[in-house]
């Protein structure tokens, strides 16, 4: 049975270290002046993602509610890109991080 875990952005950043995208010097999802970590959904970058353990891959998806979600594992539906972390998540655990796209007025 799959266990569902929700993390805040801050909890995710504290618990997981991102692997920089070594294939694209202009990759997005960077912190400070560090190299970007988001991998594309095609070409050499997707080949790299497929070569990684599924336990270390995260998928950034566009939610039906207009928010973005980072979910553990490799997913295809509504995917925007992939991240890889040095820490793994067991395949029987589904971790989700919500990024609210609400605009402040």
PDB file of N, CA and C in Angstrom:
ATOM      1  N   UNK A   1       0.830  -1.178   0.000  1.00  0.00           N
ATOM      2  CA  UNK A   1       0.000   0.000   0.000  1.00  0.00           C
ATOM      3  C   UNK A   1       0.881   1.249   0.000  1.00  0.00           C
ATOM      4  N   UNK A   2       0.510   2.217  -0.801  1.00  0.00           N
ATOM      5  CA  UNK A   2       1.287   3.444  -0.924  1.00  0.00           C
ATOM      6  C   UNK A   2       0.924   4.422   0.187  1.00  0.00           C
ATOM      7  N   UNK A   3       1.949   4.995   0.786  1.00  0.00           N
ATOM      8  CA  UNK A   3       1.744   6.008   1.821  1.00  0.00           C
ATOM      9  C   UNK A   3       1.915   7.378   1.182  1.00  0.00           C
ATOM     10  N   UNK A   4       1.037   8.325   1.489  1.00  0.00           N
ATOM     11  CA  UNK A   4       1.047   9.660   0.915  1.00  0.00           C
ATOM     12  C   UNK A   4       1.620  10.651   1.924  1.00  0.00           C
ATOM     13  N   UNK A   5       2.602  11.464   1.485  1.00  0.00           N
ATOM     14  CA  UNK A   5       3.238  12.449   2.352  1.00  0.00           C
ATOM     15  C   UNK A   5       3.232  13.798   1.639  1.00  0.00           C
ATOM     16  N   UNK A   6       2.764  14.833   2.326  1.00  0.00           N
ATOM     17  CA  UNK A   6       2.819  16.193   1.796  1.00  0.00           C
ATOM     18  C   UNK A   6       3.932  16.952   2.504  1.00  0.00           C
ATOM     19  N   UNK A   7       4.756  17.656   1.723  1.00  0.00           N
ATOM     20  CA  UNK A   7       5.816  18.489   2.276  1.00  0.00           C
ATOM     21  C   UNK A   7       5.616  19.925   1.819  1.00  0.00           C
ATOM     22  N   UNK A   8       6.038  20.870   2.638  1.00  0.00           N
ATOM     23  CA  UNK A   8       6.080  22.267   2.211  1.00  0.00           C
ATOM     24  C   UNK A   8       7.345  22.462   1.374  1.00  0.00           C
ATOM     25  N   UNK A   9       7.432  23.601   0.699  1.00  0.00           N
ATOM     26  CA  UNK A   9       8.642  23.903  -0.070  1.00  0.00           C
ATOM     27  C   UNK A   9       9.862  23.888   0.841  1.00  0.00           C
ATOM     28  N   UNK A  10       9.723  24.478   2.015  1.00  0.00           N
ATOM     29  CA  UNK A  10      10.836  24.564   2.954  1.00  0.00           C
ATOM     30  C   UNK A  10      11.265  23.180   3.445  1.00  0.00           C
ATOM     31  N   UNK A  11      10.289  22.323   3.727  1.00  0.00           N
ATOM     32  CA  UNK A  11      10.617  20.960   4.172  1.00  0.00           C
ATOM     33  C   UNK A  11      11.343  20.200   3.071  1.00  0.00           C
ATOM     34  N   UNK A  12      10.893  20.365   1.829  1.00  0.00           N
ATOM     35  CA  UNK A  12      11.564  19.702   0.716  1.00  0.00           C
ATOM     36  C   UNK A  12      13.014  20.167   0.618  1.00  0.00           C
ATOM     37  N   UNK A  13      13.230  21.478   0.677  1.00  0.00           N
ATOM     38  CA  UNK A  13      14.583  22.028   0.563  1.00  0.00           C
ATOM     39  C   UNK A  13      15.490  21.551   1.687  1.00  0.00           C
ATOM     40  N   UNK A  14      14.939  21.366   2.887  1.00  0.00           N
ATOM     41  CA  UNK A  14      15.737  20.882   4.024  1.00  0.00           C
ATOM     42  C   UNK A  14      16.087  19.403   3.902  1.00  0.00           C
ATOM     43  N   UNK A  15      15.176  18.612   3.326  1.00  0.00           N
ATOM     44  CA  UNK A  15      15.345  17.161   3.316  1.00  0.00           C
ATOM     45  C   UNK A  15      16.033  16.609   2.074  1.00  0.00           C
ATOM     46  N   UNK A  16      16.025  17.378   0.979  1.00  0.00           N
ATOM     47  CA  UNK A  16      16.535  16.843  -0.281  1.00  0.00           C
ATOM     48  C   UNK A  16      17.529  17.799  -0.932  1.00  0.00           C
ATOM     49  N   UNK A  17      18.583  17.219  -1.500  1.00  0.00           N
ATOM     50  CA  UNK A  17      19.598  17.979  -2.233  1.00  0.00           C
ATOM     51  C   UNK A  17      19.438  17.696  -3.718  1.00  0.00           C
ATOM     52  N   UNK A  18      19.340  18.762  -4.506  1.00  0.00           N
ATOM     53  CA  UNK A  18      19.135  18.615  -5.944  1.00  0.00           C
ATOM     54  C   UNK A  18      20.445  18.396  -6.689  1.00  0.00           C
ATOM     55  N   UNK A  19      20.364  17.594  -7.736  1.00  0.00           N
ATOM     56  CA  UNK A  19      21.499  17.349  -8.628  1.00  0.00           C
ATOM     57  C   UNK A  19      21.421  18.378  -9.754  1.00  0.00           C
ATOM     58  N   UNK A  20      22.480  19.162  -9.974  1.00  0.00           N
ATOM     59  CA  UNK A  20      22.453  20.152 -11.055  1.00  0.00           C
ATOM     60  C   UNK A  20      22.328  19.487 -12.427  1.00  0.00           C
ATOM     61  N   UNK A  21      21.679  20.191 -13.346  1.00  0.00           N
ATOM     62  CA  UNK A  21      21.559  19.713 -14.720  1.00  0.00           C
ATOM     63  C   UNK A  21      22.882  19.986 -15.429  1.00  0.00           C
ATOM     64  N   UNK A  22      23.668  18.954 -15.610  1.00  0.00           N
ATOM     65  CA  UNK A  22      24.981  19.063 -16.238  1.00  0.00           C
ATOM     66  C   UNK A  22      24.892  19.112 -17.763  1.00  0.00           C
ATOM     67  N   UNK A  23      23.707  18.896 -18.316  1.00  0.00           N
ATOM     68  CA  UNK A  23      23.523  18.864 -19.767  1.00  0.00           C
ATOM     69  C   UNK A  23      23.079  20.204 -20.344  1.00  0.00           C
ATOM     70  N   UNK A  24      22.518  21.068 -19.506  1.00  0.00           N
ATOM     71  CA  UNK A  24      21.987  22.343 -19.982  1.00  0.00           C
ATOM     72  C   UNK A  24      22.425  23.466 -19.043  1.00  0.00           C
ATOM     73  N   UNK A  25      23.369  24.306 -19.475  1.00  0.00           N
ATOM     74  CA  UNK A  25      23.844  25.386 -18.607  1.00  0.00           C
ATOM     75  C   UNK A  25      22.777  26.447 -18.328  1.00  0.00           C
ATOM     76  N   UNK A  26      21.684  26.430 -19.088  1.00  0.00           N
ATOM     77  CA  UNK A  26      20.606  27.406 -18.902  1.00  0.00           C
ATOM     78  C   UNK A  26      19.371  26.804 -18.234  1.00  0.00           C
ATOM     79  N   UNK A  27      19.526  25.653 -17.606  1.00  0.00           N
ATOM     80  CA  UNK A  27      18.390  24.989 -16.957  1.00  0.00           C
ATOM     81  C   UNK A  27      17.813  25.880 -15.859  1.00  0.00           C
ATOM     82  N   UNK A  28      16.511  25.783 -15.677  1.00  0.00           N
ATOM     83  CA  UNK A  28      15.863  26.556 -14.614  1.00  0.00           C
ATOM     84  C   UNK A  28      15.909  25.782 -13.298  1.00  0.00           C
ATOM     85  N   UNK A  29      15.233  26.343 -12.288  1.00  0.00           N
ATOM     86  CA  UNK A  29      15.169  25.785 -10.935  1.00  0.00           C
ATOM     87  C   UNK A  29      16.541  25.832 -10.270  1.00  0.00           C
ATOM     88  N   UNK A  30      17.019  27.048 -10.101  1.00  0.00           N
ATOM     89  CA  UNK A  30      18.312  27.224  -9.441  1.00  0.00           C
ATOM     90  C   UNK A  30      18.134  28.050  -8.177  1.00  0.00           C
ATOM     91  N   UNK A  31      19.064  27.913  -7.278  1.00  0.00           N
ATOM     92  CA  UNK A  31      19.070  28.674  -6.041  1.00  0.00           C
ATOM     93  C   UNK A  31      20.333  29.515  -6.014  1.00  0.00           C
ATOM     94  N   UNK A  32      20.175  30.774  -5.659  1.00  0.00           N
ATOM     95  CA  UNK A  32      21.289  31.712  -5.632  1.00  0.00           C
ATOM     96  C   UNK A  32      21.946  31.737  -7.009  1.00  0.00           C
ATOM     97  N   UNK A  33      23.252  31.564  -7.057  1.00  0.00           N
ATOM     98  CA  UNK A  33      23.962  31.566  -8.336  1.00  0.00           C
ATOM     99  C   UNK A  33      24.298  30.159  -8.807  1.00  0.00           C
ATOM    100  N   UNK A  34      23.702  29.172  -8.183  1.00  0.00           N
ATOM    101  CA  UNK A  34      23.993  27.781  -8.539  1.00  0.00           C
ATOM    102  C   UNK A  34      23.403  27.432  -9.902  1.00  0.00           C
ATOM    103  N   UNK A  35      23.921  26.398 -10.475  1.00  0.00           N
ATOM    104  CA  UNK A  35      23.441  25.900 -11.760  1.00  0.00           C
ATOM    105  C   UNK A  35      22.018  25.356 -11.614  1.00  0.00           C
ATOM    106  N   UNK A  36      21.198  25.506 -12.666  1.00  0.00           N
ATOM    107  CA  UNK A  36      19.823  25.019 -12.648  1.00  0.00           C
ATOM    108  C   UNK A  36      19.752  23.509 -12.535  1.00  0.00           C
ATOM    109  N   UNK A  37      18.639  23.017 -12.015  1.00  0.00           N
ATOM    110  CA  UNK A  37      18.489  21.587 -11.739  1.00  0.00           C
ATOM    111  C   UNK A  37      17.348  20.917 -12.498  1.00  0.00           C
ATOM    112  N   UNK A  38      16.520  21.684 -13.210  1.00  0.00           N
ATOM    113  CA  UNK A  38      15.373  21.095 -13.898  1.00  0.00           C
ATOM    114  C   UNK A  38      15.819  20.453 -15.207  1.00  0.00           C
ATOM    115  N   UNK A  39      15.391  19.214 -15.422  1.00  0.00           N
ATOM    116  CA  UNK A  39      15.702  18.475 -16.643  1.00  0.00           C
ATOM    117  C   UNK A  39      14.478  18.471 -17.549  1.00  0.00           C
ATOM    118  N   UNK A  40      14.713  18.590 -18.843  1.00  0.00           N
ATOM    119  CA  UNK A  40      13.641  18.592 -19.840  1.00  0.00           C
ATOM    120  C   UNK A  40      13.001  17.212 -19.963  1.00  0.00           C
ATOM    121  N   UNK A  41      11.913  17.167 -20.707  1.00  0.00           N
ATOM    122  CA  UNK A  41      11.127  15.938 -20.873  1.00  0.00           C
ATOM    123  C   UNK A  41      11.411  15.249 -22.202  1.00  0.00           C
ATOM    124  N   UNK A  42      12.538  15.573 -22.826  1.00  0.00           N
ATOM    125  CA  UNK A  42      12.871  14.989 -24.126  1.00  0.00           C
ATOM    126  C   UNK A  42      14.388  14.965 -24.312  1.00  0.00           C
ATOM    127  N   UNK A  43      14.827  14.265 -25.338  1.00  0.00           N
ATOM    128  CA  UNK A  43      16.232  14.265 -25.740  1.00  0.00           C
ATOM    129  C   UNK A  43      17.185  13.685 -24.711  1.00  0.00           C
ATOM    130  N   UNK A  44      18.414  14.225 -24.724  1.00  0.00           N
ATOM    131  CA  UNK A  44      19.464  13.739 -23.830  1.00  0.00           C
ATOM    132  C   UNK A  44      19.087  13.876 -22.354  1.00  0.00           C
ATOM    133  N   UNK A  45      18.341  14.928 -22.034  1.00  0.00           N
ATOM    134  CA  UNK A  45      17.962  15.131 -20.636  1.00  0.00           C
ATOM    135  C   UNK A  45      16.987  14.050 -20.166  1.00  0.00           C
ATOM    136  N   UNK A  46      16.039  13.673 -21.011  1.00  0.00           N
ATOM    137  CA  UNK A  46      15.127  12.580 -20.659  1.00  0.00           C
ATOM    138  C   UNK A  46      15.886  11.256 -20.588  1.00  0.00           C
ATOM    139  N   UNK A  47      16.839  11.052 -21.492  1.00  0.00           N
ATOM    140  CA  UNK A  47      17.664   9.837 -21.428  1.00  0.00           C
ATOM    141  C   UNK A  47      18.395   9.757 -20.090  1.00  0.00           C
ATOM    142  N   UNK A  48      18.909  10.899 -19.624  1.00  0.00           N
ATOM    143  CA  UNK A  48      19.586  10.931 -18.329  1.00  0.00           C
ATOM    144  C   UNK A  48      18.612  10.570 -17.205  1.00  0.00           C
ATOM    145  N   UNK A  49      17.412  11.141 -17.236  1.00  0.00           N
ATOM    146  CA  UNK A  49      16.398  10.844 -16.212  1.00  0.00           C
ATOM    147  C   UNK A  49      16.082   9.352 -16.198  1.00  0.00           C
ATOM    148  N   UNK A  50      15.918   8.775 -17.363  1.00  0.00           N
ATOM    149  CA  UNK A  50      15.600   7.339 -17.458  1.00  0.00           C
ATOM    150  C   UNK A  50      16.723   6.462 -16.912  1.00  0.00           C
ATOM    151  N   UNK A  51      17.945   6.978 -16.894  1.00  0.00           N
ATOM    152  CA  UNK A  51      19.082   6.201 -16.397  1.00  0.00           C
ATOM    153  C   UNK A  51      19.232   6.301 -14.875  1.00  0.00           C
ATOM    154  N   UNK A  52      18.444   7.160 -14.237  1.00  0.00           N
ATOM    155  CA  UNK A  52      18.523   7.359 -12.788  1.00  0.00           C
ATOM    156  C   UNK A  52      17.579   6.408 -12.057  1.00  0.00           C
ATOM    157  N   UNK A  53      17.910   6.060 -10.826  1.00  0.00           N
ATOM    158  CA  UNK A  53      16.972   5.253 -10.035  1.00  0.00           C
ATOM    159  C   UNK A  53      15.669   6.032  -9.843  1.00  0.00           C
ATOM    160  N   UNK A  54      14.547   5.377 -10.037  1.00  0.00           N
ATOM    161  CA  UNK A  54      13.240   6.041  -9.900  1.00  0.00           C
ATOM    162  C   UNK A  54      13.066   6.658  -8.513  1.00  0.00           C
ATOM    163  N   UNK A  55      13.716   6.093  -7.515  1.00  0.00           N
ATOM    164  CA  UNK A  55      13.613   6.601  -6.146  1.00  0.00           C
ATOM    165  C   UNK A  55      14.244   7.982  -5.972  1.00  0.00           C
ATOM    166  N   UNK A  56      15.058   8.395  -6.936  1.00  0.00           N
ATOM    167  CA  UNK A  56      15.746   9.686  -6.850  1.00  0.00           C
ATOM    168  C   UNK A  56      15.184  10.728  -7.813  1.00  0.00           C
ATOM    169  N   UNK A  57      14.155  10.372  -8.561  1.00  0.00           N
ATOM    170  CA  UNK A  57      13.591  11.280  -9.566  1.00  0.00           C
ATOM    171  C   UNK A  57      12.288  11.878  -9.051  1.00  0.00           C
ATOM    172  N   UNK A  58      12.087  13.152  -9.371  1.00  0.00           N
ATOM    173  CA  UNK A  58      10.873  13.897  -9.038  1.00  0.00           C
ATOM    174  C   UNK A  58      10.335  14.500 -10.323  1.00  0.00           C
ATOM    175  N   UNK A  59       9.007  14.591 -10.433  1.00  0.00           N
ATOM    176  CA  UNK A  59       8.381  15.170 -11.612  1.00  0.00           C
ATOM    177  C   UNK A  59       7.636  16.439 -11.219  1.00  0.00           C
ATOM    178  N   UNK A  60       7.920  17.522 -11.932  1.00  0.00           N
ATOM    179  CA  UNK A  60       7.180  18.769 -11.756  1.00  0.00           C
ATOM    180  C   UNK A  60       5.990  18.713 -12.697  1.00  0.00           C
ATOM    181  N   UNK A  61       4.780  18.799 -12.131  1.00  0.00           N
ATOM    182  CA  UNK A  61       3.566  18.680 -12.942  1.00  0.00           C
ATOM    183  C   UNK A  61       2.674  19.900 -12.758  1.00  0.00           C
ATOM    184  N   UNK A  62       1.892  20.161 -13.791  1.00  0.00           N
ATOM    185  CA  UNK A  62       0.898  21.225 -13.781  1.00  0.00           C
ATOM    186  C   UNK A  62      -0.396  20.638 -13.239  1.00  0.00           C
ATOM    187  N   UNK A  63      -0.841  21.125 -12.088  1.00  0.00           N
ATOM    188  CA  UNK A  63      -2.055  20.594 -11.471  1.00  0.00           C
ATOM    189  C   UNK A  63      -3.315  21.126 -12.126  1.00  0.00           C
ATOM    190  N   UNK A  64      -4.383  20.394 -12.002  1.00  0.00           N
ATOM    191  CA  UNK A  64      -5.673  20.805 -12.562  1.00  0.00           C
ATOM    192  C   UNK A  64      -6.217  22.066 -11.896  1.00  0.00           C
ATOM    193  N   UNK A  65      -5.699  22.399 -10.706  1.00  0.00           N
ATOM    194  CA  UNK A  65      -6.165  23.571  -9.969  1.00  0.00           C
ATOM    195  C   UNK A  65      -5.354  24.824 -10.266  1.00  0.00           C
ATOM    196  N   UNK A  66      -4.406  24.744 -11.213  1.00  0.00           N
ATOM    197  CA  UNK A  66      -3.583  25.896 -11.566  1.00  0.00           C
ATOM    198  C   UNK A  66      -2.287  25.989 -10.792  1.00  0.00           C
ATOM    199  N   UNK A  67      -2.112  25.171  -9.771  1.00  0.00           N
ATOM    200  CA  UNK A  67      -0.870  25.150  -9.011  1.00  0.00           C
ATOM    201  C   UNK A  67       0.098  24.154  -9.638  1.00  0.00           C
ATOM    202  N   UNK A  68       1.363  24.269  -9.260  1.00  0.00           N
ATOM    203  CA  UNK A  68       2.374  23.301  -9.678  1.00  0.00           C
ATOM    204  C   UNK A  68       2.617  22.342  -8.523  1.00  0.00           C
ATOM    205  N   UNK A  69       2.953  21.103  -8.868  1.00  0.00           N
ATOM    206  CA  UNK A  69       3.229  20.079  -7.867  1.00  0.00           C
ATOM    207  C   UNK A  69       4.518  19.367  -8.230  1.00  0.00           C
ATOM    208  N   UNK A  70       5.333  19.133  -7.230  1.00  0.00           N
ATOM    209  CA  UNK A  70       6.515  18.306  -7.383  1.00  0.00           C
ATOM    210  C   UNK A  70       6.182  16.981  -6.723  1.00  0.00           C
ATOM    211  N   UNK A  71       6.204  15.906  -7.497  1.00  0.00           N
ATOM    212  CA  UNK A  71       5.821  14.596  -6.980  1.00  0.00           C
ATOM    213  C   UNK A  71       6.973  13.613  -7.154  1.00  0.00           C
ATOM    214  N   UNK A  72       7.141  12.766  -6.165  1.00  0.00           N
ATOM    215  CA  UNK A  72       8.222  11.788  -6.231  1.00  0.00           C
ATOM    216  C   UNK A  72       7.938  10.774  -7.330  1.00  0.00           C
ATOM    217  N   UNK A  73       9.005  10.354  -8.004  1.00  0.00           N
ATOM    218  CA  UNK A  73       8.876   9.361  -9.064  1.00  0.00           C
ATOM    219  C   UNK A  73       8.804   9.976 -10.453  1.00  0.00           C
ATOM    220  N   UNK A  74       8.778   9.094 -11.435  1.00  0.00           N
ATOM    221  CA  UNK A  74       8.719   9.497 -12.844  1.00  0.00           C
ATOM    222  C   UNK A  74       7.264   9.428 -13.296  1.00  0.00           C
ATOM    223  N   UNK A  75       6.740  10.553 -13.748  1.00  0.00           N
ATOM    224  CA  UNK A  75       5.359  10.637 -14.216  1.00  0.00           C
ATOM    225  C   UNK A  75       5.344  11.296 -15.593  1.00  0.00           C
ATOM    226  N   UNK A  76       4.301  11.041 -16.363  1.00  0.00           N
ATOM    227  CA  UNK A  76       4.225  11.560 -17.728  1.00  0.00           C
ATOM    228  C   UNK A  76       3.109  12.594 -17.883  1.00  0.00           C
ATOM    229  N   UNK A  77       1.963  12.364 -17.265  1.00  0.00           N
ATOM    230  CA  UNK A  77       0.804  13.241 -17.440  1.00  0.00           C
ATOM    231  C   UNK A  77       1.074  14.616 -16.824  1.00  0.00           C
ATOM    232  N   UNK A  78       0.842  15.662 -17.600  1.00  0.00           N
ATOM    233  CA  UNK A  78       0.996  17.062 -17.168  1.00  0.00           C
ATOM    234  C   UNK A  78       2.412  17.417 -16.720  1.00  0.00           C
ATOM    235  N   UNK A  79       3.393  16.661 -17.148  1.00  0.00           N
ATOM    236  CA  UNK A  79       4.770  16.915 -16.702  1.00  0.00           C
ATOM    237  C   UNK A  79       5.321  18.193 -17.333  1.00  0.00           C
ATOM    238  N   UNK A  80       6.110  18.904 -16.550  1.00  0.00           N
ATOM    239  CA  UNK A  80       6.810  20.100 -17.007  1.00  0.00           C
ATOM    240  C   UNK A  80       8.295  19.803 -17.104  1.00  0.00           C
ATOM    241  N   UNK A  81       8.804  19.036 -16.168  1.00  0.00           N
ATOM    242  CA  UNK A  81      10.215  18.692 -16.140  1.00  0.00           C
ATOM    243  C   UNK A  81      10.500  17.748 -14.987  1.00  0.00           C
ATOM    244  N   UNK A  82      11.771  17.407 -14.846  1.00  0.00           N
ATOM    245  CA  UNK A  82      12.189  16.455 -13.817  1.00  0.00           C
ATOM    246  C   UNK A  82      13.312  17.031 -12.970  1.00  0.00           C
ATOM    247  N   UNK A  83      13.361  16.611 -11.725  1.00  0.00           N
ATOM    248  CA  UNK A  83      14.462  16.905 -10.819  1.00  0.00           C
ATOM    249  C   UNK A  83      15.031  15.581 -10.332  1.00  0.00           C
ATOM    250  N   UNK A  84      16.300  15.604  -9.957  1.00  0.00           N
ATOM    251  CA  UNK A  84      16.956  14.432  -9.375  1.00  0.00           C
ATOM    252  C   UNK A  84      17.535  14.868  -8.034  1.00  0.00           C
ATOM    253  N   UNK A  85      17.339  14.034  -7.016  1.00  0.00           N
ATOM    254  CA  UNK A  85      17.897  14.329  -5.700  1.00  0.00           C
ATOM    255  C   UNK A  85      18.913  13.259  -5.315  1.00  0.00           C
ATOM    256  N   UNK A  86      19.830  13.637  -4.438  1.00  0.00           N
ATOM    257  CA  UNK A  86      20.814  12.667  -3.966  1.00  0.00           C
ATOM    258  C   UNK A  86      20.183  11.714  -2.955  1.00  0.00           C
ATOM    259  N   UNK A  87      19.128  12.162  -2.275  1.00  0.00           N
ATOM    260  CA  UNK A  87      18.401  11.315  -1.330  1.00  0.00           C
ATOM    261  C   UNK A  87      17.256  10.629  -2.075  1.00  0.00           C
ATOM    262  N   UNK A  88      16.975   9.411  -1.682  1.00  0.00           N
ATOM    263  CA  UNK A  88      15.921   8.659  -2.370  1.00  0.00           C
ATOM    264  C   UNK A  88      14.636   8.620  -1.540  1.00  0.00           C
ATOM    265  N   UNK A  89      13.544   8.290  -2.232  1.00  0.00           N
ATOM    266  CA  UNK A  89      12.232   8.097  -1.609  1.00  0.00           C
ATOM    267  C   UNK A  89      11.780   6.695  -1.981  1.00  0.00           C
ATOM    268  N   UNK A  90      11.417   5.902  -0.995  1.00  0.00           N
ATOM    269  CA  UNK A  90      10.955   4.537  -1.268  1.00  0.00           C
ATOM    270  C   UNK A  90       9.784   4.568  -2.244  1.00  0.00           C
ATOM    271  N   UNK A  91       9.736   3.588  -3.119  1.00  0.00           N
ATOM    272  CA  UNK A  91       8.702   3.553  -4.150  1.00  0.00           C
ATOM    273  C   UNK A  91       7.301   3.373  -3.581  1.00  0.00           C
ATOM    274  N   UNK A  92       7.187   2.902  -2.338  1.00  0.00           N
ATOM    275  CA  UNK A  92       5.855   2.752  -1.743  1.00  0.00           C
ATOM    276  C   UNK A  92       5.413   4.003  -0.984  1.00  0.00           C
ATOM    277  N   UNK A  93       6.174   5.097  -1.138  1.00  0.00           N
ATOM    278  CA  UNK A  93       5.811   6.386  -0.541  1.00  0.00           C
ATOM    279  C   UNK A  93       5.648   7.397  -1.667  1.00  0.00           C
ATOM    280  N   UNK A  94       4.530   8.115  -1.669  1.00  0.00           N
ATOM    281  CA  UNK A  94       4.269   9.161  -2.658  1.00  0.00           C
ATOM    282  C   UNK A  94       4.396  10.501  -1.944  1.00  0.00           C
ATOM    283  N   UNK A  95       5.422  11.275  -2.318  1.00  0.00           N
ATOM    284  CA  UNK A  95       5.646  12.580  -1.702  1.00  0.00           C
ATOM    285  C   UNK A  95       5.194  13.655  -2.678  1.00  0.00           C
ATOM    286  N   UNK A  96       4.523  14.667  -2.142  1.00  0.00           N
ATOM    287  CA  UNK A  96       4.011  15.750  -2.976  1.00  0.00           C
ATOM    288  C   UNK A  96       4.335  17.089  -2.325  1.00  0.00           C
ATOM    289  N   UNK A  97       4.825  18.030  -3.152  1.00  0.00           N
ATOM    290  CA  UNK A  97       5.090  19.395  -2.713  1.00  0.00           C
ATOM    291  C   UNK A  97       4.251  20.314  -3.593  1.00  0.00           C
ATOM    292  N   UNK A  98       3.420  21.124  -2.971  1.00  0.00           N
ATOM    293  CA  UNK A  98       2.548  22.035  -3.731  1.00  0.00           C
ATOM    294  C   UNK A  98       3.186  23.413  -3.805  1.00  0.00           C
ATOM    295  N   UNK A  99       3.198  23.978  -5.009  1.00  0.00           N
ATOM    296  CA  UNK A  99       3.678  25.334  -5.234  1.00  0.00           C
ATOM    297  C   UNK A  99       2.480  26.167  -5.677  1.00  0.00           C
ATOM    298  N   UNK A 100       1.967  26.966  -4.761  1.00  0.00           N
ATOM    299  CA  UNK A 100       0.773  27.758  -5.047  1.00  0.00           C
ATOM    300  C   UNK A 100       1.089  28.826  -6.088  1.00  0.00           C
ATOM    301  N   UNK A 101       0.241  28.932  -7.082  1.00  0.00           N
ATOM    302  CA  UNK A 101       0.408  29.925  -8.134  1.00  0.00           C
ATOM    303  C   UNK A 101      -0.531  31.114  -7.934  1.00  0.00           C
ATOM    304  N   UNK A 102      -1.091  31.231  -6.715  1.00  0.00           N
ATOM    305  CA  UNK A 102      -1.969  32.363  -6.413  1.00  0.00           C
ATOM    306  C   UNK A 102      -1.188  33.652  -6.517  1.00  0.00           C
ATOM    307  N   UNK A 103      -1.813  34.625  -7.105  1.00  0.00           N
ATOM    308  CA  UNK A 103      -1.201  35.949  -7.243  1.00  0.00           C
ATOM    309  C   UNK A 103      -1.712  36.839  -6.114  1.00  0.00           C
ATOM    310  N   UNK A 104      -0.782  37.526  -5.472  1.00  0.00           N
ATOM    311  CA  UNK A 104      -1.188  38.482  -4.444  1.00  0.00           C
ATOM    312  C   UNK A 104      -1.553  39.785  -5.118  1.00  0.00           C
ATOM    313  N   UNK A 105      -2.653  40.365  -4.698  1.00  0.00           N
ATOM    314  CA  UNK A 105      -3.131  41.627  -5.294  1.00  0.00           C
ATOM    315  C   UNK A 105      -2.505  42.799  -4.590  1.00  0.00           C
TER     316      UNK A 105
END
